[in-house]
């Protein structure tokens, strides 16, 4: 196998983890194939079914023969539904004709932006910890990234002095994610304004990943695009995956000024042509109608979050930032004297609980693990008892 890698482009080096680093998901899957029970808390895959109204719309589209190419920008009715929802919720107005692009999930949207806007010597500035695909996608395009730590001593804080000290004349894009994966942190209005001022000062394009906008446990969501001077330089990305439990449908979107969207669409046409037609048809209902299941899912996530937080507070050997949104908890295990990767490997093999090592989310987070509470409450109750047993065994 190693001999075959000589044929690979250096751009894909980003997808191959270093020697000794392991994929928790792959190990968990192998253990399951051997008949062992695994509680999956390592991935952000909601355990809820897609709401029936959305599924029925997609099924109807298939039965009616809507199974062919759509316009590259996406079905107009879907673009209209997305932009109307954005205006109603946040007061941001985008023209569905030329300021919205439907993509194959938020991941494709991100990759399109990196390809379209970055030259090989240019940089993306990324607050860290961050979603693991950000840095890998940037590397795969041949560009570079700059991580800016925003988690210090258990406190999330966007200190602009850190951003100023790390920016270079090659920095072109700033990527923010609020609510954040993996911490669940929601940026304050003051932090959004400071980031906006920084972006304007240095003439940066801002990518705002808003995939968890509908899962806030306190306060109200605010997009950086709503701030003065920011709409024209901001690209909002979002998807149906989390809000509507549609991770496998692969429908996302980008909102931005017409010039930016035209550029992205030109690249999109060559890579993907269009997202799946009937998945788009189902997504129209998701954004156009009031989907009652969304509130049910939110309430369930909140209940799960509160259970895990209360449980972890009783453990003096771990610490964490209490999430304000999304469905993750970023747990510091430094006091146990082991790395996050060792914690995850041993927990998986000894107790059958899969978590994600912190180093997946940035180079500085080797003492952390991420807990995803996308599984059932029954599994969470069992998993937390098993995690406690494992942690207690380290104190003996």
Protein backbone atom coordinates (compact mmCIF):
# COMPACT_ATOMS: atom_id res chain seq x y z
CA UNK A 1 0.00 0.00 0.00
CA UNK A 2 2.80 2.44 0.90
CA UNK A 3 4.43 1.82 -2.47
CA UNK A 4 1.25 2.91 -4.21
CA UNK A 5 1.25 6.28 -2.42
CA UNK A 6 4.09 7.48 -4.63
CA UNK A 7 1.44 8.10 -7.29
CA UNK A 8 -0.57 10.44 -5.06
CA UNK A 9 -0.53 14.22 -5.34
CA UNK A 10 1.11 16.01 -2.41
CA UNK A 11 -2.19 17.86 -1.98
CA UNK A 12 -3.78 14.75 -0.47
CA UNK A 13 -1.12 14.44 2.24
CA UNK A 14 -3.58 16.40 4.38
CA UNK A 15 -5.93 13.41 4.38
CA UNK A 16 -3.39 10.95 5.72
CA UNK A 17 -2.91 11.12 9.46
CA UNK A 18 0.57 10.86 10.91
CA UNK A 19 2.13 7.57 11.94
CA UNK A 20 0.66 6.33 15.22
CA UNK A 21 -2.49 8.41 14.86
CA UNK A 22 -5.61 6.33 14.59
CA UNK A 23 -9.18 6.72 13.45
CA UNK A 24 -11.50 6.13 16.37
CA UNK A 25 -14.40 5.64 14.01
CA UNK A 26 -12.57 2.91 12.06
CA UNK A 27 -11.64 1.05 15.25
CA UNK A 28 -15.19 1.37 16.59
CA UNK A 29 -16.58 0.00 13.32
CA UNK A 30 -14.19 -2.96 13.43
CA UNK A 31 -15.20 -3.75 17.01
CA UNK A 32 -18.86 -3.64 15.97
CA UNK A 33 -18.16 -6.06 13.14
CA UNK A 34 -16.80 -8.44 15.78
CA UNK A 35 -20.10 -8.21 17.65
CA UNK A 36 -19.17 -5.71 20.37
CA UNK A 37 -21.62 -3.00 21.39
CA UNK A 38 -20.30 0.51 20.75
CA UNK A 39 -21.94 3.74 21.90
CA UNK A 40 -21.13 6.32 19.24
CA UNK A 41 -20.40 9.75 20.71
CA UNK A 42 -17.56 10.59 18.31
CA UNK A 43 -19.53 11.95 15.34
CA UNK A 44 -22.10 14.70 14.88
CA UNK A 45 -24.73 12.51 13.27
CA UNK A 46 -28.20 13.21 14.74
CA UNK A 47 -30.03 10.04 15.76
CA UNK A 48 -33.39 11.52 14.69
CA UNK A 49 -35.10 10.59 11.45
CA UNK A 50 -35.62 13.25 8.80
CA UNK A 51 -39.10 14.80 9.31
CA UNK A 52 -41.84 13.05 7.31
CA UNK A 53 -42.95 16.13 5.35
CA UNK A 54 -39.44 16.47 3.91
CA UNK A 55 -39.18 12.78 3.03
CA UNK A 56 -42.61 12.80 1.41
CA UNK A 57 -41.67 15.76 -0.77
CA UNK A 58 -38.56 13.95 -1.99
CA UNK A 59 -40.48 10.73 -2.65
CA UNK A 60 -43.11 12.66 -4.57
CA UNK A 61 -40.36 14.30 -6.65
CA UNK A 62 -38.96 10.88 -7.56
CA UNK A 63 -42.39 9.52 -8.48
CA UNK A 64 -43.04 12.59 -10.64
CA UNK A 65 -39.79 12.13 -12.54
CA UNK A 66 -37.84 15.00 -10.97
CA UNK A 67 -34.62 13.00 -11.11
CA UNK A 68 -32.55 14.93 -13.65
CA UNK A 69 -30.11 17.81 -13.62
CA UNK A 70 -31.26 21.03 -12.01
CA UNK A 71 -29.84 24.49 -12.74
CA UNK A 72 -26.23 24.56 -11.44
CA UNK A 73 -27.17 27.24 -8.91
CA UNK A 74 -29.89 24.95 -7.56
CA UNK A 75 -33.66 24.83 -7.96
CA UNK A 76 -34.97 28.40 -7.87
CA UNK A 77 -37.73 27.57 -5.37
CA UNK A 78 -35.10 26.29 -2.93
CA UNK A 79 -32.94 29.38 -3.34
CA UNK A 80 -36.03 31.50 -2.78
CA UNK A 81 -37.00 29.52 0.33
CA UNK A 82 -33.48 29.86 1.80
CA UNK A 83 -33.22 33.59 1.17
CA UNK A 84 -36.75 34.25 2.45
CA UNK A 85 -36.02 32.35 5.67
CA UNK A 86 -32.76 34.28 6.12
CA UNK A 87 -34.56 37.60 5.73
CA UNK A 88 -37.37 36.64 8.12
CA UNK A 89 -35.01 35.36 10.82
CA UNK A 90 -32.11 37.81 10.62
CA UNK A 91 -33.18 40.72 8.42
CA UNK A 92 -30.54 39.86 5.81
CA UNK A 93 -31.76 40.24 2.24
CA UNK A 94 -30.25 38.19 -0.61
CA UNK A 95 -31.49 37.94 -4.17
CA UNK A 96 -32.33 34.29 -4.94
CA UNK A 97 -31.47 34.87 -8.59
CA UNK A 98 -27.78 35.63 -8.15
CA UNK A 99 -26.83 35.78 -4.45
CA UNK A 100 -27.55 32.18 -3.43
CA UNK A 101 -25.93 28.91 -4.50
CA UNK A 102 -27.15 25.43 -3.55
CA UNK A 103 -24.31 22.99 -2.87
CA UNK A 104 -23.80 19.34 -1.98
CA UNK A 105 -23.71 20.09 1.73
CA UNK A 106 -21.75 22.74 3.62
CA UNK A 107 -18.50 20.81 3.02
CA UNK A 108 -18.70 21.37 -0.73
CA UNK A 109 -19.54 25.02 -0.11
CA UNK A 110 -16.35 25.42 1.93
CA UNK A 111 -14.20 23.66 -0.63
CA UNK A 112 -15.60 25.78 -3.45
CA UNK A 113 -14.67 28.94 -1.56
CA UNK A 114 -11.12 27.75 -0.89
CA UNK A 115 -10.62 26.78 -4.55
CA UNK A 116 -12.20 29.96 -5.92
CA UNK A 117 -10.56 32.52 -3.65
CA UNK A 118 -7.16 31.19 -2.53
CA UNK A 119 -3.92 31.09 -4.45
CA UNK A 120 -1.29 28.59 -3.34
CA UNK A 121 0.68 31.12 -1.28
CA UNK A 122 -2.37 32.65 0.44
CA UNK A 123 -3.74 31.93 3.89
CA UNK A 124 -6.96 31.31 5.78
CA UNK A 125 -7.11 32.44 9.40
CA UNK A 126 -9.06 29.95 11.54
CA UNK A 127 -9.94 30.40 15.24
CA UNK A 128 -9.06 27.15 17.01
CA UNK A 129 -10.36 24.65 18.13
CA UNK A 130 -12.29 24.19 14.91
CA UNK A 131 -14.05 21.61 12.76
CA UNK A 132 -11.37 19.22 11.54
CA UNK A 133 -12.18 19.49 7.81
CA UNK A 134 -11.35 23.21 7.67
CA UNK A 135 -7.57 22.82 7.80
CA UNK A 136 -7.50 19.68 5.69
CA UNK A 137 -9.55 21.25 2.92
CA UNK A 138 -7.29 24.30 2.87
CA UNK A 139 -4.21 22.09 2.60
CA UNK A 140 -5.80 20.04 -0.16
CA UNK A 141 -6.19 23.17 -2.28
CA UNK A 142 -2.46 23.80 -1.84
CA UNK A 143 -3.03 26.87 0.32
CA UNK A 144 -2.11 27.51 3.95
CA UNK A 145 -3.95 28.09 7.22
CA UNK A 146 -3.19 29.99 10.41
CA UNK A 147 -4.70 28.71 13.65
CA UNK A 148 -5.54 31.29 16.31
CA UNK A 149 -6.21 29.71 19.74
CA UNK A 150 -9.38 31.07 21.35
CA UNK A 151 -9.69 28.58 24.23
CA UNK A 152 -7.42 29.37 27.18
CA UNK A 153 -7.65 28.03 30.72
CA UNK A 154 -11.14 26.73 30.03
CA UNK A 155 -12.40 30.11 28.80
CA UNK A 156 -13.38 30.92 25.22
CA UNK A 157 -12.25 34.40 24.23
CA UNK A 158 -11.48 36.05 20.91
CA UNK A 159 -8.48 38.24 21.77
CA UNK A 160 -7.79 40.48 18.82
CA UNK A 161 -4.15 40.91 19.83
CA UNK A 162 -3.70 37.21 18.98
CA UNK A 163 -5.25 37.74 15.56
CA UNK A 164 -3.10 40.81 14.91
CA UNK A 165 0.07 38.96 15.90
CA UNK A 166 -0.58 36.10 13.48
CA UNK A 167 -1.90 37.82 10.38
CA UNK A 168 0.47 38.23 7.43
CA UNK A 169 0.36 39.99 4.08
CA UNK A 170 -0.69 36.62 2.62
CA UNK A 171 -3.81 36.28 4.77
CA UNK A 172 -6.89 36.62 2.59
CA UNK A 173 -9.76 34.78 4.31
CA UNK A 174 -11.04 34.59 7.90
CA UNK A 175 -13.26 31.62 8.79
CA UNK A 176 -15.55 31.73 11.82
CA UNK A 177 -17.97 29.12 13.15
CA UNK A 178 -20.63 30.08 15.68
CA UNK A 179 -22.05 28.06 17.39
CA UNK A 180 -18.69 26.35 17.36
CA UNK A 181 -17.78 22.74 16.71
CA UNK A 182 -16.26 21.30 18.97
CA UNK A 183 -16.90 23.63 21.94
CA UNK A 184 -20.49 24.77 21.47
CA UNK A 185 -19.32 28.36 21.99
CA UNK A 186 -21.47 31.19 20.63
CA UNK A 187 -19.66 34.40 19.76
CA UNK A 188 -20.87 37.48 21.60
CA UNK A 189 -22.04 40.59 19.76
CA UNK A 190 -18.89 42.40 20.92
CA UNK A 191 -16.67 39.62 19.54
CA UNK A 192 -18.52 39.63 16.23
CA UNK A 193 -17.99 43.40 15.98
CA UNK A 194 -14.30 43.08 16.81
CA UNK A 195 -13.89 40.39 14.15
CA UNK A 196 -15.79 42.57 11.67
CA UNK A 197 -13.55 45.56 12.40
CA UNK A 198 -10.48 43.33 12.00
CA UNK A 199 -11.72 41.96 8.67
CA UNK A 200 -12.46 45.44 7.30
CA UNK A 201 -9.10 46.78 8.52
CA UNK A 202 -7.18 44.00 6.75
CA UNK A 203 -9.57 43.68 3.76
CA UNK A 204 -10.40 40.02 4.45
CA UNK A 205 -13.16 37.84 3.05
CA UNK A 206 -15.11 36.28 5.93
CA UNK A 207 -16.62 32.80 5.78
CA UNK A 208 -19.34 32.40 8.39
CA UNK A 209 -20.18 28.74 9.03
CA UNK A 210 -23.67 28.88 10.54
CA UNK A 211 -24.63 25.21 10.40
CA UNK A 212 -25.64 25.15 14.09
CA UNK A 213 -27.59 28.43 14.10
CA UNK A 214 -30.83 26.73 15.18
CA UNK A 215 -29.30 25.10 18.26
CA UNK A 216 -28.69 27.88 20.80
CA UNK A 217 -29.43 27.14 24.45
CA UNK A 218 -29.26 30.78 25.48
CA UNK A 219 -29.48 34.13 23.68
CA UNK A 220 -30.24 34.72 20.01
CA UNK A 221 -28.14 33.96 16.97
CA UNK A 222 -26.58 36.88 15.11
CA UNK A 223 -24.77 36.64 11.79
CA UNK A 224 -21.63 38.70 11.24
CA UNK A 225 -23.06 39.55 7.80
CA UNK A 226 -25.66 41.73 9.54
CA UNK A 227 -23.00 44.16 10.83
CA UNK A 228 -22.23 47.39 8.94
CA UNK A 229 -19.78 46.87 6.10
CA UNK A 230 -19.83 43.08 6.37
CA UNK A 231 -22.55 41.77 4.04
CA UNK A 232 -20.50 42.42 0.88
CA UNK A 233 -17.38 40.68 2.23
CA UNK A 234 -19.09 37.74 4.00
CA UNK A 235 -19.99 34.34 2.61
CA UNK A 236 -22.56 32.54 4.77
CA UNK A 237 -22.57 28.76 4.56
CA UNK A 238 -25.24 26.50 5.99
CA UNK A 239 -26.95 23.18 5.33
CA UNK A 240 -29.96 21.01 6.05
CA UNK A 241 -27.81 18.40 7.84
CA UNK A 242 -28.08 19.41 11.48
CA UNK A 243 -31.27 21.48 11.75
CA UNK A 244 -33.42 18.96 9.89
CA UNK A 245 -31.42 15.77 10.60
CA UNK A 246 -30.55 15.34 6.93
CA UNK A 247 -26.84 14.52 7.09
CA UNK A 248 -27.02 12.00 4.24
CA UNK A 249 -29.06 14.20 1.92
CA UNK A 250 -26.09 16.49 1.20
CA UNK A 251 -27.84 19.80 0.62
CA UNK A 252 -26.20 23.04 1.66
CA UNK A 253 -25.95 26.61 0.45
CA UNK A 254 -23.84 29.74 0.20
CA UNK A 255 -25.14 33.29 0.45
CA UNK A 256 -23.05 36.24 -0.69
CA UNK A 257 -22.73 39.12 -3.10
CA UNK A 258 -23.52 38.41 -6.75
CA UNK A 259 -19.89 38.61 -7.92
CA UNK A 260 -18.72 36.10 -5.32
CA UNK A 261 -21.61 33.72 -6.05
CA UNK A 262 -21.00 33.84 -9.80
CA UNK A 263 -17.38 32.83 -9.22
CA UNK A 264 -18.37 29.98 -6.90
CA UNK A 265 -21.01 28.75 -9.34
CA UNK A 266 -18.46 28.59 -12.15
CA UNK A 267 -16.29 26.28 -10.05
CA UNK A 268 -19.30 24.34 -8.73
CA UNK A 269 -20.48 23.53 -12.28
CA UNK A 270 -17.18 21.80 -13.04
CA UNK A 271 -17.00 19.81 -9.79
CA UNK A 272 -20.55 18.79 -9.08
CA UNK A 273 -22.93 20.17 -11.75
CA UNK A 274 -25.77 20.27 -9.22
CA UNK A 275 -26.86 18.67 -5.93
CA UNK A 276 -29.28 15.73 -6.15
CA UNK A 277 -32.55 16.96 -7.62
CA UNK A 278 -35.03 15.19 -5.34
CA UNK A 279 -32.95 16.03 -2.24
CA UNK A 280 -33.36 19.66 -3.23
CA UNK A 281 -37.12 19.16 -3.61
CA UNK A 282 -37.35 17.82 -0.07
CA UNK A 283 -35.22 20.71 1.19
CA UNK A 284 -37.69 23.23 -0.22
CA UNK A 285 -40.23 21.95 2.31
CA UNK A 286 -37.61 22.08 5.08
CA UNK A 287 -37.03 25.79 4.55
CA UNK A 288 -40.49 26.83 3.37
CA UNK A 289 -42.68 25.10 5.94
CA UNK A 290 -42.67 25.16 9.74
CA UNK A 291 -41.16 21.79 10.63
CA UNK A 292 -42.43 20.99 14.12
CA UNK A 293 -39.82 18.28 14.67
CA UNK A 294 -37.03 20.90 14.80
CA UNK A 295 -38.27 22.19 18.17
CA UNK A 296 -38.58 18.63 19.46
CA UNK A 297 -34.98 17.89 18.44
CA UNK A 298 -33.73 21.10 20.03
CA UNK A 299 -35.47 20.31 23.33
CA UNK A 300 -34.00 16.82 23.32
CA UNK A 301 -30.47 18.11 22.67
CA UNK A 302 -30.89 20.60 25.50
CA UNK A 303 -32.00 17.82 27.87
CA UNK A 304 -29.03 15.67 26.87
CA UNK A 305 -26.62 18.57 27.29
CA UNK A 306 -27.90 19.34 30.77
CA UNK A 307 -27.58 15.70 31.82
CA UNK A 308 -23.97 15.42 30.64
CA UNK A 309 -22.96 18.80 32.11
CA UNK A 310 -24.46 17.92 35.51
CA UNK A 311 -22.69 14.54 35.42
CA UNK A 312 -19.30 15.99 34.47
CA UNK A 313 -19.46 18.65 37.18
CA UNK A 314 -19.20 15.86 39.74
CA UNK A 315 -15.82 14.74 38.34
CA UNK A 316 -12.86 16.67 39.69
CA UNK A 317 -10.32 15.17 37.26
CA UNK A 318 -11.82 16.70 34.13
CA UNK A 319 -12.90 20.19 33.12
CA UNK A 320 -14.92 21.61 30.25
CA UNK A 321 -16.50 24.66 28.67
CA UNK A 322 -20.28 24.47 29.02
CA UNK A 323 -21.73 24.71 25.49
CA UNK A 324 -24.12 27.50 24.56
CA UNK A 325 -25.09 25.85 21.29
CA UNK A 326 -24.56 22.92 18.89
CA UNK A 327 -24.39 19.41 20.41
CA UNK A 328 -20.82 18.90 21.61
CA UNK A 329 -18.79 19.18 24.80
CA UNK A 330 -15.02 19.71 24.67
CA UNK A 331 -13.56 17.90 27.67
CA UNK A 332 -10.09 18.57 29.14
CA UNK A 333 -8.49 15.35 30.45
CA UNK A 334 -5.04 16.76 31.21
CA UNK A 335 -5.27 16.01 34.95
CA UNK A 336 -5.48 12.30 34.17
CA UNK A 337 -1.91 12.41 32.87
CA UNK A 338 -2.77 11.02 29.44
CA UNK A 339 -3.42 12.50 26.02
CA UNK A 340 -6.87 12.84 24.53
CA UNK A 341 -6.00 10.19 21.94
CA UNK A 342 -4.95 7.69 24.61
CA UNK A 343 -8.12 8.49 26.57
CA UNK A 344 -10.28 7.79 23.49
CA UNK A 345 -8.47 4.58 22.55
CA UNK A 346 -8.59 3.09 26.03
CA UNK A 347 -12.19 4.16 26.64
CA UNK A 348 -13.25 2.57 23.36
CA UNK A 349 -11.44 -0.71 23.89
CA UNK A 350 -12.21 -1.06 27.61
CA UNK A 351 -15.72 0.41 27.84
CA UNK A 352 -17.11 0.50 24.29
CA UNK A 353 -17.66 4.25 24.17
CA UNK A 354 -16.34 6.18 21.15
CA UNK A 355 -15.27 9.83 21.58
CA UNK A 356 -13.20 12.08 19.30
CA UNK A 357 -9.60 13.07 20.25
CA UNK A 358 -9.08 16.80 20.68
CA UNK A 359 -6.11 16.91 18.31
CA UNK A 360 -8.61 16.37 15.47
CA UNK A 361 -9.69 19.99 16.06
CA UNK A 362 -6.29 21.68 16.06
CA UNK A 363 -2.67 21.13 16.95
CA UNK A 364 -2.97 22.56 20.46
CA UNK A 365 -5.76 20.35 21.78
CA UNK A 366 -4.02 17.06 22.60
CA UNK A 367 -5.33 17.21 26.18
CA UNK A 368 -8.97 17.28 25.06
CA UNK A 369 -11.67 14.95 23.80
CA UNK A 370 -14.98 15.84 22.16
CA UNK A 371 -18.24 14.33 23.34
CA UNK A 372 -21.12 14.39 20.85
CA UNK A 373 -24.60 14.01 22.31
CA UNK A 374 -26.31 12.99 19.08
CA UNK A 375 -27.16 9.52 20.36
CA UNK A 376 -30.21 8.52 22.42
CA UNK A 377 -30.68 9.54 26.05
CA UNK A 378 -30.57 5.86 26.97
CA UNK A 379 -27.14 5.52 25.37
CA UNK A 380 -25.94 8.75 26.99
CA UNK A 381 -26.92 7.57 30.48
CA UNK A 382 -25.06 4.30 29.94
CA UNK A 383 -22.06 5.99 28.33
CA UNK A 384 -21.60 8.53 31.12
CA UNK A 385 -21.51 5.75 33.71
CA UNK A 386 -18.88 3.95 31.61
CA UNK A 387 -16.83 7.13 31.20
CA UNK A 388 -16.92 7.65 34.96
CA UNK A 389 -15.78 4.07 35.54
CA UNK A 390 -12.86 4.62 33.18
CA UNK A 391 -11.85 7.94 34.78
CA UNK A 392 -12.13 6.47 38.28
CA UNK A 393 -9.82 3.63 37.23
CA UNK A 394 -7.17 6.23 36.40
CA UNK A 395 -7.33 7.58 39.95
CA UNK A 396 -6.68 4.23 41.61
